[in-house]
């Protein structure tokens, strides 16, 4: 079953901690502060908050929040990530986002395709302790 999801990345959806750290040089490091990486996985469940828990960290990674866990996907070419892009995700796993799903970037104004995002493994980060 193929499901296509349209997602407008919204920079304001960052958590309060990440928003406060936005002025820092590395917003991803600020988001992951006090967190420990777990074993990478190929797919993550998106049923709890849907794809709207996905945040683009410019030029760095896609971050998906599931409860208290942050899943980081650094993608095959993270330099192309821009939170001003609209993501179009073609999911093959129903309510799961997997590394083989197709993700395209589109211009918000024209709607035209601007690129392709090649997902890699998702690394879970949880609070230490």
Protein backbone atom coordinates (compact mmCIF):
# COMPACT_ATOMS: atom_id res chain seq x y z
CA UNK A 1 0.00 0.00 0.00
CA UNK A 2 1.41 3.37 -0.98
CA UNK A 3 0.48 6.40 1.07
CA UNK A 4 1.58 9.89 0.11
CA UNK A 5 1.87 12.46 2.88
CA UNK A 6 2.40 16.15 2.41
CA UNK A 7 4.33 17.78 5.21
CA UNK A 8 5.16 21.42 5.57
CA UNK A 9 8.15 21.65 7.84
CA UNK A 10 7.44 24.25 10.44
CA UNK A 11 10.37 25.75 12.26
CA UNK A 12 8.11 26.97 15.06
CA UNK A 13 7.28 23.39 16.00
CA UNK A 14 10.55 23.05 17.85
CA UNK A 15 10.40 22.32 21.54
CA UNK A 16 11.05 25.14 23.98
CA UNK A 17 14.56 23.84 24.60
CA UNK A 18 15.38 23.67 20.91
CA UNK A 19 13.85 27.09 20.27
CA UNK A 20 16.00 28.60 23.01
CA UNK A 21 19.03 26.93 21.45
CA UNK A 22 18.23 28.17 17.95
CA UNK A 23 20.69 31.01 18.40
CA UNK A 24 23.47 28.48 19.01
CA UNK A 25 25.67 27.22 16.20
CA UNK A 26 24.36 23.64 16.32
CA UNK A 27 20.60 23.32 16.92
CA UNK A 28 20.73 19.51 16.60
CA UNK A 29 23.30 19.27 19.39
CA UNK A 30 21.06 21.47 21.52
CA UNK A 31 18.07 19.21 20.84
CA UNK A 32 20.08 16.13 21.79
CA UNK A 33 21.61 17.62 24.95
CA UNK A 34 21.36 15.19 27.88
CA UNK A 35 20.28 12.37 25.55
CA UNK A 36 21.95 9.06 24.77
CA UNK A 37 21.93 7.37 21.35
CA UNK A 38 20.42 3.92 21.05
CA UNK A 39 20.75 1.22 18.40
CA UNK A 40 19.77 2.46 14.91
CA UNK A 41 16.56 1.17 13.35
CA UNK A 42 15.34 1.04 9.74
CA UNK A 43 11.74 2.08 10.51
CA UNK A 44 9.90 4.14 13.11
CA UNK A 45 6.23 4.07 14.03
CA UNK A 46 4.45 7.32 13.17
CA UNK A 47 1.03 6.45 14.56
CA UNK A 48 1.30 8.45 17.80
CA UNK A 49 1.87 11.94 16.38
CA UNK A 50 1.77 11.23 12.67
CA UNK A 51 4.37 12.70 10.35
CA UNK A 52 3.76 16.11 11.95
CA UNK A 53 6.29 15.25 14.67
CA UNK A 54 8.97 15.61 11.99
CA UNK A 55 11.32 18.61 12.13
CA UNK A 56 13.93 19.63 9.59
CA UNK A 57 17.23 20.82 11.04
CA UNK A 58 18.71 22.85 8.19
CA UNK A 59 21.62 21.13 6.46
CA UNK A 60 21.84 18.48 9.16
CA UNK A 61 19.03 15.98 9.73
CA UNK A 62 15.37 15.10 10.04
CA UNK A 63 14.22 14.67 13.63
CA UNK A 64 11.05 12.79 14.56
CA UNK A 65 9.62 13.09 18.07
CA UNK A 66 7.75 10.09 19.48
CA UNK A 67 6.89 10.82 23.09
CA UNK A 68 10.17 11.35 24.93
CA UNK A 69 12.29 9.78 22.19
CA UNK A 70 13.88 11.74 19.35
CA UNK A 71 14.72 9.76 16.21
CA UNK A 72 17.43 11.37 14.09
CA UNK A 73 17.88 10.58 10.40
CA UNK A 74 20.95 12.30 9.01
CA UNK A 75 19.94 11.34 5.42
CA UNK A 76 22.38 10.47 2.64
CA UNK A 77 22.88 14.14 1.72
CA UNK A 78 21.88 16.31 4.70
CA UNK A 79 23.26 19.54 3.18
CA UNK A 80 20.15 19.70 0.98
CA UNK A 81 17.74 19.86 3.94
CA UNK A 82 16.01 23.20 4.37
CA UNK A 83 13.14 23.81 6.81
CA UNK A 84 11.58 26.16 4.26
CA UNK A 85 10.98 23.22 1.93
CA UNK A 86 7.80 21.20 1.90
CA UNK A 87 8.37 17.46 2.24
CA UNK A 88 6.31 14.95 0.29
CA UNK A 89 6.65 11.46 1.74
CA UNK A 90 5.55 8.32 -0.09
CA UNK A 91 5.26 5.70 2.63
CA UNK A 92 5.24 2.01 1.85
CA UNK A 93 4.95 0.87 5.48
CA UNK A 94 1.50 2.15 6.44
CA UNK A 95 1.97 3.92 9.76
CA UNK A 96 5.75 3.51 9.74
CA UNK A 97 8.41 5.72 8.21
CA UNK A 98 11.22 3.61 6.80
CA UNK A 99 14.57 4.21 5.18
CA UNK A 100 13.22 2.91 1.84
CA UNK A 101 10.29 5.39 1.75
CA UNK A 102 10.55 8.08 -0.89
CA UNK A 103 10.88 11.65 0.30
CA UNK A 104 10.89 14.64 -2.04
CA UNK A 105 11.34 18.34 -1.37
CA UNK A 106 9.00 20.83 -3.00
CA UNK A 107 9.00 24.61 -3.24
CA UNK A 108 6.27 26.04 -1.00
CA UNK A 109 5.26 28.71 -3.50
CA UNK A 110 5.23 26.91 -6.84
CA UNK A 111 4.81 23.39 -5.51
CA UNK A 112 7.48 22.19 -7.92
CA UNK A 113 9.83 19.42 -6.92
CA UNK A 114 13.23 20.72 -5.84
CA UNK A 115 14.99 17.56 -4.72
CA UNK A 116 15.04 14.08 -3.27
CA UNK A 117 15.86 13.08 0.30
CA UNK A 118 17.44 9.65 0.74
CA UNK A 119 16.69 8.41 4.23
CA UNK A 120 19.23 6.42 6.20
CA UNK A 121 18.80 4.66 9.54
CA UNK A 122 16.93 6.34 12.38
CA UNK A 123 18.95 6.72 15.58
CA UNK A 124 16.83 6.95 18.76
CA UNK A 125 17.93 9.41 21.43
CA UNK A 126 16.50 9.13 24.94
CA UNK A 127 17.10 11.11 28.13
CA UNK A 128 20.08 9.76 30.07
CA UNK A 129 19.28 8.02 33.32
